Full PDB file with SEQRES, HELIX, SHEET, SSBOND, CRYST1, ORIGX, SCALE, CONECT and MASTER records, all heavy atoms in Angstrom:
SEQRES   1 A   41  THR ILE GLU LEU LYS THR ASN PHE LEU ARG THR THR LEU          
SEQRES   2 A   41  ALA GLY THR ILE GLY CYS GLU ALA THR LEU VAL HIS GLY          
SEQRES   3 A   41  GLY ARG THR THR GLN ILE TRP ASP ALA THR VAL SER ASP          
SEQRES   4 A   41  ALA ASP                                                      
SHEET    1 AA1 2 GLY A  18  GLY A  26  0                                        
SHEET    2 AA1 2 GLN A  31  SER A  38 -1                                        
CRYST1    1.000    1.000    1.000  90.00  90.00  90.00 P 1           1          
ORIGX1      1.000000  0.000000  0.000000        0.00000                         
ORIGX2      0.000000  1.000000  0.000000        0.00000                         
ORIGX3      0.000000  0.000000  1.000000        0.00000                         
SCALE1      1.000000  0.000000  0.000000        0.00000                         
SCALE2      0.000000  1.000000  0.000000        0.00000                         
SCALE3      0.000000  0.000000  1.000000        0.00000                         
ATOM      1  N   THR A   1     101.473  88.950  83.063  1.00  0.00           N  
ATOM      2  CA  THR A   1     100.638  88.494  84.169  1.00  0.00           C  
ATOM      3  C   THR A   1     100.005  87.162  83.811  1.00  0.00           C  
ATOM      4  O   THR A   1      99.422  87.012  82.741  1.00  0.00           O  
ATOM      5  CB  THR A   1      99.535  89.525  84.470  1.00  0.00           C  
ATOM      6  OG1 THR A   1     100.145  90.790  84.731  1.00  0.00           O  
ATOM      7  CG2 THR A   1      98.689  89.105  85.660  1.00  0.00           C  
ATOM      8  N   ILE A   2     100.120  86.187  84.724  1.00  0.00           N  
ATOM      9  CA  ILE A   2      99.485  84.895  84.484  1.00  0.00           C  
ATOM     10  C   ILE A   2      98.323  84.635  85.438  1.00  0.00           C  
ATOM     11  O   ILE A   2      97.512  83.754  85.182  1.00  0.00           O  
ATOM     12  CB  ILE A   2     100.495  83.724  84.508  1.00  0.00           C  
ATOM     13  CG1 ILE A   2     101.284  83.667  85.801  1.00  0.00           C  
ATOM     14  CG2 ILE A   2     101.430  83.825  83.312  1.00  0.00           C  
ATOM     15  CD1 ILE A   2     102.222  82.449  85.903  1.00  0.00           C  
ATOM     16  N   GLU A   3      98.223  85.419  86.512  1.00  0.00           N  
ATOM     17  CA  GLU A   3      97.069  85.294  87.405  1.00  0.00           C  
ATOM     18  C   GLU A   3      96.959  86.552  88.251  1.00  0.00           C  
ATOM     19  O   GLU A   3      97.966  87.140  88.639  1.00  0.00           O  
ATOM     20  CB  GLU A   3      97.231  84.079  88.321  1.00  0.00           C  
ATOM     21  CG  GLU A   3      96.055  83.853  89.237  1.00  0.00           C  
ATOM     22  CD  GLU A   3      96.206  82.618  90.113  1.00  0.00           C  
ATOM     23  OE1 GLU A   3      97.327  82.315  90.552  1.00  0.00           O  
ATOM     24  OE2 GLU A   3      95.184  81.969  90.360  1.00  0.00           O  
ATOM     25  N   LEU A   4      95.715  86.952  88.520  1.00  0.00           N  
ATOM     26  CA  LEU A   4      95.487  88.020  89.487  1.00  0.00           C  
ATOM     27  C   LEU A   4      94.171  87.801  90.193  1.00  0.00           C  
ATOM     28  O   LEU A   4      93.271  87.159  89.675  1.00  0.00           O  
ATOM     29  CB  LEU A   4      95.564  89.410  88.848  1.00  0.00           C  
ATOM     30  CG  LEU A   4      94.599  89.816  87.746  1.00  0.00           C  
ATOM     31  CD1 LEU A   4      93.239  90.239  88.279  1.00  0.00           C  
ATOM     32  CD2 LEU A   4      95.208  90.971  86.983  1.00  0.00           C  
ATOM     33  N   LYS A   5      94.107  88.335  91.404  1.00  0.00           N  
ATOM     34  CA  LYS A   5      92.909  88.205  92.232  1.00  0.00           C  
ATOM     35  C   LYS A   5      92.784  89.449  93.085  1.00  0.00           C  
ATOM     36  O   LYS A   5      93.780  89.985  93.557  1.00  0.00           O  
ATOM     37  CB  LYS A   5      93.024  86.978  93.137  1.00  0.00           C  
ATOM     38  CG  LYS A   5      91.847  86.785  94.073  1.00  0.00           C  
ATOM     39  CD  LYS A   5      92.079  85.628  94.996  1.00  0.00           C  
ATOM     40  CE  LYS A   5      90.933  85.318  95.936  1.00  0.00           C  
ATOM     41  NZ  LYS A   5      89.869  86.225  96.089  1.00  0.00           N  
ATOM     42  N   THR A   6      91.548  89.893  93.292  1.00  0.00           N  
ATOM     43  CA  THR A   6      91.296  91.051  94.135  1.00  0.00           C  
ATOM     44  C   THR A   6      90.125  90.772  95.053  1.00  0.00           C  
ATOM     45  O   THR A   6      89.089  90.267  94.609  1.00  0.00           O  
ATOM     46  CB  THR A   6      90.972  92.296  93.278  1.00  0.00           C  
ATOM     47  OG1 THR A   6      92.001  92.480  92.312  1.00  0.00           O  
ATOM     48  CG2 THR A   6      90.859  93.539  94.140  1.00  0.00           C  
ATOM     49  N   ASN A   7      90.302  91.098  96.327  1.00  0.00           N  
ATOM     50  CA  ASN A   7      89.210  91.085  97.297  1.00  0.00           C  
ATOM     51  C   ASN A   7      88.886  92.538  97.626  1.00  0.00           C  
ATOM     52  O   ASN A   7      89.774  93.286  98.038  1.00  0.00           O  
ATOM     53  CB  ASN A   7      89.596  90.345  98.581  1.00  0.00           C  
ATOM     54  CG  ASN A   7      89.754  88.868  98.357  1.00  0.00           C  
ATOM     55  OD1 ASN A   7      90.862  88.382  98.248  1.00  0.00           O  
ATOM     56  ND2 ASN A   7      88.657  88.152  98.293  1.00  0.00           N  
ATOM     57  N   PHE A   8      87.621  92.913  97.454  1.00  0.00           N  
ATOM     58  CA  PHE A   8      87.190  94.285  97.721  1.00  0.00           C  
ATOM     59  C   PHE A   8      86.581  94.355  99.116  1.00  0.00           C  
ATOM     60  O   PHE A   8      85.738  93.526  99.475  1.00  0.00           O  
ATOM     61  CB  PHE A   8      86.188  94.741  96.661  1.00  0.00           C  
ATOM     62  CG  PHE A   8      86.803  94.815  95.299  1.00  0.00           C  
ATOM     63  CD1 PHE A   8      86.723  93.744  94.417  1.00  0.00           C  
ATOM     64  CD2 PHE A   8      87.495  95.941  94.897  1.00  0.00           C  
ATOM     65  CE1 PHE A   8      87.304  93.798  93.160  1.00  0.00           C  
ATOM     66  CE2 PHE A   8      88.094  96.016  93.647  1.00  0.00           C  
ATOM     67  CZ  PHE A   8      87.991  94.934  92.782  1.00  0.00           C  
ATOM     68  N   LEU A   9      87.000  95.352  99.886  1.00  0.00           N  
ATOM     69  CA  LEU A   9      86.560  95.500 101.262  1.00  0.00           C  
ATOM     70  C   LEU A   9      85.584  96.654 101.456  1.00  0.00           C  
ATOM     71  O   LEU A   9      84.723  96.616 102.329  1.00  0.00           O  
ATOM     72  CB  LEU A   9      87.775  95.716 102.181  1.00  0.00           C  
ATOM     73  CG  LEU A   9      88.894  94.690 102.020  1.00  0.00           C  
ATOM     74  CD1 LEU A   9      90.100  95.097 102.846  1.00  0.00           C  
ATOM     75  CD2 LEU A   9      88.404  93.308 102.411  1.00  0.00           C  
ATOM     76  N   ARG A  10      85.759  97.710 100.672  1.00  0.00           N  
ATOM     77  CA  ARG A  10      84.906  98.899 100.745  1.00  0.00           C  
ATOM     78  C   ARG A  10      85.121  99.706  99.484  1.00  0.00           C  
ATOM     79  O   ARG A  10      85.973  99.390  98.677  1.00  0.00           O  
ATOM     80  CB  ARG A  10      85.208  99.736 101.990  1.00  0.00           C  
ATOM     81  CG  ARG A  10      86.595 100.358 102.015  1.00  0.00           C  
ATOM     82  CD  ARG A  10      86.865 101.248 103.227  1.00  0.00           C  
ATOM     83  NE  ARG A  10      86.333 100.794 104.474  1.00  0.00           N  
ATOM     84  CZ  ARG A  10      86.953  99.941 105.314  1.00  0.00           C  
ATOM     85  NH1 ARG A  10      88.140  99.477 104.995  1.00  0.00           N  
ATOM     86  NH2 ARG A  10      86.398  99.579 106.436  1.00  0.00           N  
ATOM     87  N   THR A  11      84.361 100.766  99.352  1.00  0.00           N  
ATOM     88  CA  THR A  11      84.512 101.652  98.201  1.00  0.00           C  
ATOM     89  C   THR A  11      84.640 103.091  98.676  1.00  0.00           C  
ATOM     90  O   THR A  11      84.509 103.378  99.862  1.00  0.00           O  
ATOM     91  CB  THR A  11      83.343 101.494  97.198  1.00  0.00           C  
ATOM     92  OG1 THR A  11      83.694 102.145  95.975  1.00  0.00           O  
ATOM     93  CG2 THR A  11      82.049 102.059  97.748  1.00  0.00           C  
ATOM     94  N   THR A  12      84.899 103.960  97.764  1.00  0.00           N  
ATOM     95  CA  THR A  12      84.901 105.396  97.986  1.00  0.00           C  
ATOM     96  C   THR A  12      84.519 106.040  96.672  1.00  0.00           C  
ATOM     97  O   THR A  12      84.637 105.412  95.613  1.00  0.00           O  
ATOM     98  CB  THR A  12      86.275 105.893  98.501  1.00  0.00           C  
ATOM     99  OG1 THR A  12      86.168 107.253  98.925  1.00  0.00           O  
ATOM    100  CG2 THR A  12      87.347 105.772  97.448  1.00  0.00           C  
ATOM    101  N   LEU A  13      84.071 107.272  96.730  1.00  0.00           N  
ATOM    102  CA  LEU A  13      83.602 107.929  95.509  1.00  0.00           C  
ATOM    103  C   LEU A  13      84.440 109.131  95.113  1.00  0.00           C  
ATOM    104  O   LEU A  13      84.314 109.636  94.006  1.00  0.00           O  
ATOM    105  CB  LEU A  13      82.138 108.353  95.671  1.00  0.00           C  
ATOM    106  CG  LEU A  13      81.159 107.213  95.927  1.00  0.00           C  
ATOM    107  CD1 LEU A  13      79.768 107.765  96.152  1.00  0.00           C  
ATOM    108  CD2 LEU A  13      81.173 106.211  94.792  1.00  0.00           C  
ATOM    109  N   ALA A  14      85.277 109.602  96.018  1.00  0.00           N  
ATOM    110  CA  ALA A  14      86.045 110.821  95.721  1.00  0.00           C  
ATOM    111  C   ALA A  14      87.353 110.793  96.499  1.00  0.00           C  
ATOM    112  O   ALA A  14      87.550 109.977  97.397  1.00  0.00           O  
ATOM    113  CB  ALA A  14      85.226 112.052  96.094  1.00  0.00           C  
ATOM    114  N   GLY A  15      88.242 111.696  96.133  1.00  0.00           N  
ATOM    115  CA  GLY A  15      89.520 111.799  96.822  1.00  0.00           C  
ATOM    116  C   GLY A  15      90.605 111.034  96.092  1.00  0.00           C  
ATOM    117  O   GLY A  15      90.465 110.664  94.926  1.00  0.00           O  
ATOM    118  N   THR A  16      91.674 110.806  96.797  1.00  0.00           N  
ATOM    119  CA  THR A  16      92.816 110.090  96.233  1.00  0.00           C  
ATOM    120  C   THR A  16      92.922 108.732  96.901  1.00  0.00           C  
ATOM    121  O   THR A  16      92.904 108.636  98.121  1.00  0.00           O  
ATOM    122  CB  THR A  16      94.119 110.886  96.476  1.00  0.00           C  
ATOM    123  OG1 THR A  16      93.987 112.167  95.844  1.00  0.00           O  
ATOM    124  CG2 THR A  16      95.321 110.164  95.900  1.00  0.00           C  
ATOM    125  N   ILE A  17      93.005 107.697  96.080  1.00  0.00           N  
ATOM    126  CA  ILE A  17      93.263 106.370  96.624  1.00  0.00           C  
ATOM    127  C   ILE A  17      94.745 106.062  96.435  1.00  0.00           C  
ATOM    128  O   ILE A  17      95.372 106.537  95.488  1.00  0.00           O  
ATOM    129  CB  ILE A  17      92.355 105.281  96.013  1.00  0.00           C  
ATOM    130  CG1 ILE A  17      92.529 105.154  94.502  1.00  0.00           C  
ATOM    131  CG2 ILE A  17      90.888 105.569  96.350  1.00  0.00           C  
ATOM    132  CD1 ILE A  17      91.743 103.994  93.878  1.00  0.00           C  
ATOM    133  N   GLY A  18      95.282 105.308  97.366  1.00  0.00           N  
ATOM    134  CA  GLY A  18      96.698 104.973  97.316  1.00  0.00           C  
ATOM    135  C   GLY A  18      96.907 103.479  97.241  1.00  0.00           C  
ATOM    136  O   GLY A  18      96.003 102.691  97.543  1.00  0.00           O  
ATOM    137  N   CYS A  19      98.099 103.098  96.842  1.00  0.00           N  
ATOM    138  CA  CYS A  19      98.434 101.681  96.696  1.00  0.00           C  
ATOM    139  C   CYS A  19      99.863 101.448  97.152  1.00  0.00           C  
ATOM    140  O   CYS A  19     100.762 102.229  96.825  1.00  0.00           O  
ATOM    141  CB  CYS A  19      98.282 101.267  95.232  1.00  0.00           C  
ATOM    142  SG  CYS A  19      98.725  99.547  94.927  1.00  0.00           S  
ATOM    143  N   GLU A  20     100.060 100.368  97.887  1.00  0.00           N  
ATOM    144  CA  GLU A  20     101.402  99.906  98.207  1.00  0.00           C  
ATOM    145  C   GLU A  20     101.527  98.472  97.714  1.00  0.00           C  
ATOM    146  O   GLU A  20     100.779  97.600  98.153  1.00  0.00           O  
ATOM    147  CB  GLU A  20     101.685  99.975  99.695  1.00  0.00           C  
ATOM    148  CG  GLU A  20     103.097  99.477 100.018  1.00  0.00           C  
ATOM    149  CD  GLU A  20     103.473  99.663 101.468  1.00  0.00           C  
ATOM    150  OE1 GLU A  20     103.662 100.819 101.867  1.00  0.00           O  
ATOM    151  OE2 GLU A  20     103.556  98.642 102.177  1.00  0.00           O  
ATOM    152  N   ALA A  21     102.440  98.250  96.799  1.00  0.00           N  
ATOM    153  CA  ALA A  21     102.695  96.926  96.218  1.00  0.00           C  
ATOM    154  C   ALA A  21     104.006  96.397  96.773  1.00  0.00           C  
ATOM    155  O   ALA A  21     104.989  97.129  96.846  1.00  0.00           O  
ATOM    156  CB  ALA A  21     102.755  97.011  94.699  1.00  0.00           C  
ATOM    157  N   THR A  22     104.003  95.122  97.152  1.00  0.00           N  
ATOM    158  CA  THR A  22     105.171  94.507  97.768  1.00  0.00           C  
ATOM    159  C   THR A  22     105.498  93.190  97.085  1.00  0.00           C  
ATOM    160  O   THR A  22     104.610  92.357  96.862  1.00  0.00           O  
ATOM    161  CB  THR A  22     104.898  94.240  99.261  1.00  0.00           C  
ATOM    162  OG1 THR A  22     104.480  95.450  99.880  1.00  0.00           O  
ATOM    163  CG2 THR A  22     106.131  93.727  99.963  1.00  0.00           C  
ATOM    164  N   LEU A  23     106.763  93.009  96.773  1.00  0.00           N  
ATOM    165  CA  LEU A  23     107.233  91.752  96.188  1.00  0.00           C  
ATOM    166  C   LEU A  23     107.228  90.671  97.265  1.00  0.00           C  
ATOM    167  O   LEU A  23     107.884  90.803  98.291  1.00  0.00           O  
ATOM    168  CB  LEU A  23     108.646  91.935  95.625  1.00  0.00           C  
ATOM    169  CG  LEU A  23     109.302  90.708  94.996  1.00  0.00           C  
ATOM    170  CD1 LEU A  23     108.532  90.232  93.772  1.00  0.00           C  
ATOM    171  CD2 LEU A  23     110.756  91.031  94.633  1.00  0.00           C  
ATOM    172  N   VAL A  24     106.477  89.600  97.029  1.00  0.00           N  
ATOM    173  CA  VAL A  24     106.390  88.472  97.958  1.00  0.00           C  
ATOM    174  C   VAL A  24     107.372  87.382  97.567  1.00  0.00           C  
ATOM    175  O   VAL A  24     107.991  86.748  98.416  1.00  0.00           O  
ATOM    176  CB  VAL A  24     104.953  87.912  97.989  1.00  0.00           C  
ATOM    177  CG1 VAL A  24     104.856  86.682  98.868  1.00  0.00           C  
ATOM    178  CG2 VAL A  24     103.974  88.985  98.442  1.00  0.00           C  
ATOM    179  N   HIS A  25     107.511  87.173  96.261  1.00  0.00           N  
ATOM    180  CA  HIS A  25     108.413  86.135  95.733  1.00  0.00           C  
ATOM    181  C   HIS A  25     109.044  86.666  94.459  1.00  0.00           C  
ATOM    182  O   HIS A  25     108.344  87.070  93.535  1.00  0.00           O  
ATOM    183  CB  HIS A  25     107.623  84.851  95.433  1.00  0.00           C  
ATOM    184  CG  HIS A  25     108.365  83.866  94.594  1.00  0.00           C  
ATOM    185  ND1 HIS A  25     109.394  83.091  95.083  1.00  0.00           N  
ATOM    186  CD2 HIS A  25     108.238  83.534  93.290  1.00  0.00           C  
ATOM    187  CE1 HIS A  25     109.863  82.329  94.107  1.00  0.00           C  
ATOM    188  NE2 HIS A  25     109.177  82.581  93.005  1.00  0.00           N  
ATOM    189  N   GLY A  26     110.361  86.678  94.410  1.00  0.00           N  
ATOM    190  CA  GLY A  26     111.076  87.120  93.222  1.00  0.00           C  
ATOM    191  C   GLY A  26     111.988  86.010  92.719  1.00  0.00           C  
ATOM    192  O   GLY A  26     113.169  86.007  93.022  1.00  0.00           O  
ATOM    193  N   GLY A  27     111.407  85.074  91.987  1.00  0.00           N  
ATOM    194  CA  GLY A  27     112.185  83.947  91.485  1.00  0.00           C  
ATOM    195  C   GLY A  27     112.745  84.187  90.091  1.00  0.00           C  
ATOM    196  O   GLY A  27     112.587  85.254  89.506  1.00  0.00           O  
ATOM    197  N   ARG A  28     113.389  83.162  89.546  1.00  0.00           N  
ATOM    198  CA  ARG A  28     113.964  83.255  88.205  1.00  0.00           C  
ATOM    199  C   ARG A  28     112.900  83.228  87.120  1.00  0.00           C  
ATOM    200  O   ARG A  28     113.080  83.787  86.052  1.00  0.00           O  
ATOM    201  CB  ARG A  28     114.956  82.113  87.963  1.00  0.00           C  
ATOM    202  CG  ARG A  28     116.232  82.213  88.762  1.00  0.00           C  
ATOM    203  CD  ARG A  28     117.230  81.088  88.457  1.00  0.00           C  
ATOM    204  NE  ARG A  28     116.655  79.764  88.713  1.00  0.00           N  
ATOM    205  CZ  ARG A  28     116.371  78.873  87.758  1.00  0.00           C  
ATOM    206  NH1 ARG A  28     116.634  79.134  86.507  1.00  0.00           N  
ATOM    207  NH2 ARG A  28     115.841  77.712  88.075  1.00  0.00           N  
ATOM    208  N   THR A  29     111.762  82.554  87.412  1.00  0.00           N  
ATOM    209  CA  THR A  29     110.726  82.407  86.378  1.00  0.00           C  
ATOM    210  C   THR A  29     109.408  83.074  86.741  1.00  0.00           C  
ATOM    211  O   THR A  29     108.586  83.307  85.854  1.00  0.00           O  
ATOM    212  CB  THR A  29     110.467  80.917  86.070  1.00  0.00           C  
ATOM    213  OG1 THR A  29     110.074  80.252  87.273  1.00  0.00           O  
ATOM    214  CG2 THR A  29     111.720  80.250  85.505  1.00  0.00           C  
ATOM    215  N   THR A  30     109.179  83.317  88.015  1.00  0.00           N  
ATOM    216  CA  THR A  30     107.935  83.982  88.423  1.00  0.00           C  
ATOM    217  C   THR A  30     108.200  85.010  89.522  1.00  0.00           C  
ATOM    218  O   THR A  30     109.200  84.934  90.244  1.00  0.00           O  
ATOM    219  CB  THR A  30     106.883  82.990  88.962  1.00  0.00           C  
ATOM    220  OG1 THR A  30     107.408  82.303  90.091  1.00  0.00           O  
ATOM    221  CG2 THR A  30     106.439  82.004  87.894  1.00  0.00           C  
ATOM    222  N   GLN A  31     107.276  85.950  89.603  1.00  0.00           N  
ATOM    223  CA  GLN A  31     107.233  86.907  90.711  1.00  0.00           C  
ATOM    224  C   GLN A  31     105.797  86.906  91.242  1.00  0.00           C  
ATOM    225  O   GLN A  31     104.850  86.783  90.456  1.00  0.00           O  
ATOM    226  CB  GLN A  31     107.571  88.322  90.249  1.00  0.00           C  
ATOM    227  CG  GLN A  31     108.977  88.523  89.772  1.00  0.00           C  
ATOM    228  CD  GLN A  31     109.229  89.975  89.380  1.00  0.00           C  
ATOM    229  OE1 GLN A  31     108.424  90.866  89.601  1.00  0.00           O  
ATOM    230  NE2 GLN A  31     110.375  90.204  88.762  1.00  0.00           N  
ATOM    231  N   ILE A  32     105.658  87.052  92.544  1.00  0.00           N  
ATOM    232  CA  ILE A  32     104.342  87.221  93.153  1.00  0.00           C  
ATOM    233  C   ILE A  32     104.361  88.552  93.897  1.00  0.00           C  
ATOM    234  O   ILE A  32     105.272  88.830  94.671  1.00  0.00           O  
ATOM    235  CB  ILE A  32     103.988  86.070  94.111  1.00  0.00           C  
ATOM    236  CG1 ILE A  32     103.948  84.747  93.336  1.00  0.00           C  
ATOM    237  CG2 ILE A  32     102.654  86.345  94.814  1.00  0.00           C  
ATOM    238  CD1 ILE A  32     103.758  83.525  94.199  1.00  0.00           C  
ATOM    239  N   TRP A  33     103.327  89.354  93.614  1.00  0.00           N  
ATOM    240  CA  TRP A  33     103.189  90.681  94.215  1.00  0.00           C  
ATOM    241  C   TRP A  33     101.871  90.785  94.951  1.00  0.00           C  
ATOM    242  O   TRP A  33     100.845  90.311  94.465  1.00  0.00           O  
ATOM    243  CB  TRP A  33     103.237  91.755  93.121  1.00  0.00           C  
ATOM    244  CG  TRP A  33     104.611  91.982  92.590  1.00  0.00           C  
ATOM    245  CD1 TRP A  33     105.264  91.228  91.642  1.00  0.00           C  
ATOM    246  CD2 TRP A  33     105.515  93.001  92.986  1.00  0.00           C  
ATOM    247  NE1 TRP A  33     106.517  91.736  91.442  1.00  0.00           N  
ATOM    248  CE2 TRP A  33     106.699  92.831  92.245  1.00  0.00           C  
ATOM    249  CE3 TRP A  33     105.438  94.057  93.894  1.00  0.00           C  
ATOM    250  CZ2 TRP A  33     107.795  93.672  92.389  1.00  0.00           C  
ATOM    251  CZ3 TRP A  33     106.531  94.900  94.029  1.00  0.00           C  
ATOM    252  CH2 TRP A  33     107.693  94.699  93.284  1.00  0.00           C  
ATOM    253  N   ASP A  34     101.895  91.395  96.126  1.00  0.00           N  
ATOM    254  CA  ASP A  34     100.691  91.746  96.870  1.00  0.00           C  
ATOM    255  C   ASP A  34     100.574  93.260  96.883  1.00  0.00           C  
ATOM    256  O   ASP A  34     101.588  93.963  96.984  1.00  0.00           O  
ATOM    257  CB  ASP A  34     100.766  91.268  98.323  1.00  0.00           C  
ATOM    258  CG  ASP A  34     100.482  89.785  98.480  1.00  0.00           C  
ATOM    259  OD1 ASP A  34      99.973  89.156  97.533  1.00  0.00           O  
ATOM    260  OD2 ASP A  34     100.764  89.257  99.566  1.00  0.00           O  
ATOM    261  N   ALA A  35      99.343  93.757  96.809  1.00  0.00           N  
ATOM    262  CA  ALA A  35      99.114  95.199  96.881  1.00  0.00           C  
ATOM    263  C   ALA A  35      97.879  95.458  97.735  1.00  0.00           C  
ATOM    264  O   ALA A  35      96.908  94.701  97.685  1.00  0.00           O  
ATOM    265  CB  ALA A  35      98.925  95.786  95.487  1.00  0.00           C  
ATOM    266  N   THR A  36      97.946  96.530  98.487  1.00  0.00           N  
ATOM    267  CA  THR A  36      96.799  97.011  99.240  1.00  0.00           C  
ATOM    268  C   THR A  36      96.444  98.385  98.696  1.00  0.00           C  
ATOM    269  O   THR A  36      97.301  99.267  98.625  1.00  0.00           O  
ATOM    270  CB  THR A  36      97.116  97.110 100.746  1.00  0.00           C  
ATOM    271  OG1 THR A  36      97.487  95.818 101.231  1.00  0.00           O  
ATOM    272  CG2 THR A  36      95.912  97.624 101.521  1.00  0.00           C  
ATOM    273  N   VAL A  37      95.184  98.538  98.296  1.00  0.00           N  
ATOM    274  CA  VAL A  37      94.676  99.830  97.849  1.00  0.00           C  
ATOM    275  C   VAL A  37      93.866 100.405  98.999  1.00  0.00           C  
ATOM    276  O   VAL A  37      93.005  99.718  99.570  1.00  0.00           O  
ATOM    277  CB  VAL A  37      93.801  99.689  96.581  1.00  0.00           C  
ATOM    278  CG1 VAL A  37      93.226 101.032  96.171  1.00  0.00           C  
ATOM    279  CG2 VAL A  37      94.614  99.078  95.445  1.00  0.00           C  
ATOM    280  N   SER A  38      94.153 101.660  99.350  1.00  0.00           N  
ATOM    281  CA  SER A  38      93.518 102.300 100.498  1.00  0.00           C  
ATOM    282  C   SER A  38      92.817 103.586 100.089  1.00  0.00           C  
ATOM    283  O   SER A  38      93.222 104.250  99.133  1.00  0.00           O  
ATOM    284  CB  SER A  38      94.573 102.630 101.563  1.00  0.00           C  
ATOM    285  OG  SER A  38      95.231 101.451 101.976  1.00  0.00           O  
ATOM    286  N   ASP A  39      91.786 103.949 100.866  1.00  0.00           N  
ATOM    287  CA  ASP A  39      91.081 105.201 100.603  1.00  0.00           C  
ATOM    288  C   ASP A  39      91.874 106.378 101.158  1.00  0.00           C  
ATOM    289  O   ASP A  39      92.956 106.206 101.728  1.00  0.00           O  
ATOM    290  CB  ASP A  39      89.651 105.146 101.145  1.00  0.00           C  
ATOM    291  CG  ASP A  39      89.553 105.053 102.656  1.00  0.00           C  
ATOM    292  OD1 ASP A  39      90.552 105.300 103.374  1.00  0.00           O  
ATOM    293  OD2 ASP A  39      88.444 104.734 103.146  1.00  0.00           O  
ATOM    294  N   ALA A  40      91.340 107.572 101.025  1.00  0.00           N  
ATOM    295  CA  ALA A  40      92.040 108.791 101.438  1.00  0.00           C  
ATOM    296  C   ALA A  40      92.324 108.816 102.937  1.00  0.00           C  
ATOM    297  O   ALA A  40      93.255 109.495 103.380  1.00  0.00           O  
ATOM    298  CB  ALA A  40      91.233 110.021 101.033  1.00  0.00           C  
ATOM    299  N   ASP A  41      91.561 108.068 103.718  1.00  0.00           N  
ATOM    300  CA  ASP A  41      91.783 107.989 105.163  1.00  0.00           C  
ATOM    301  C   ASP A  41      92.743 106.868 105.553  1.00  0.00           C  
ATOM    302  O   ASP A  41      92.978 106.629 106.731  1.00  0.00           O  
ATOM    303  CB  ASP A  41      90.456 107.784 105.898  1.00  0.00           C  
ATOM    304  CG  ASP A  41      89.520 108.980 105.737  1.00  0.00           C  
ATOM    305  OD1 ASP A  41      90.026 110.122 105.693  1.00  0.00           O  
ATOM    306  OD2 ASP A  41      88.303 108.771 105.651  1.00  0.00           O  
TER     307      ASP A  41                                                      
MASTER        0    0    0    0    2    0    0    6  306    1    0    4          
END                                                                             
């Protein structure tokens, strides 16, 4: 990893959180990934 950034929108204290990560750029020397972390709802 050479860089990462996260914007937090809300929190939760219990339950299961989920994540979907998506490849935005898959080059020969770099990859860029976006992920959204969601609460149980």
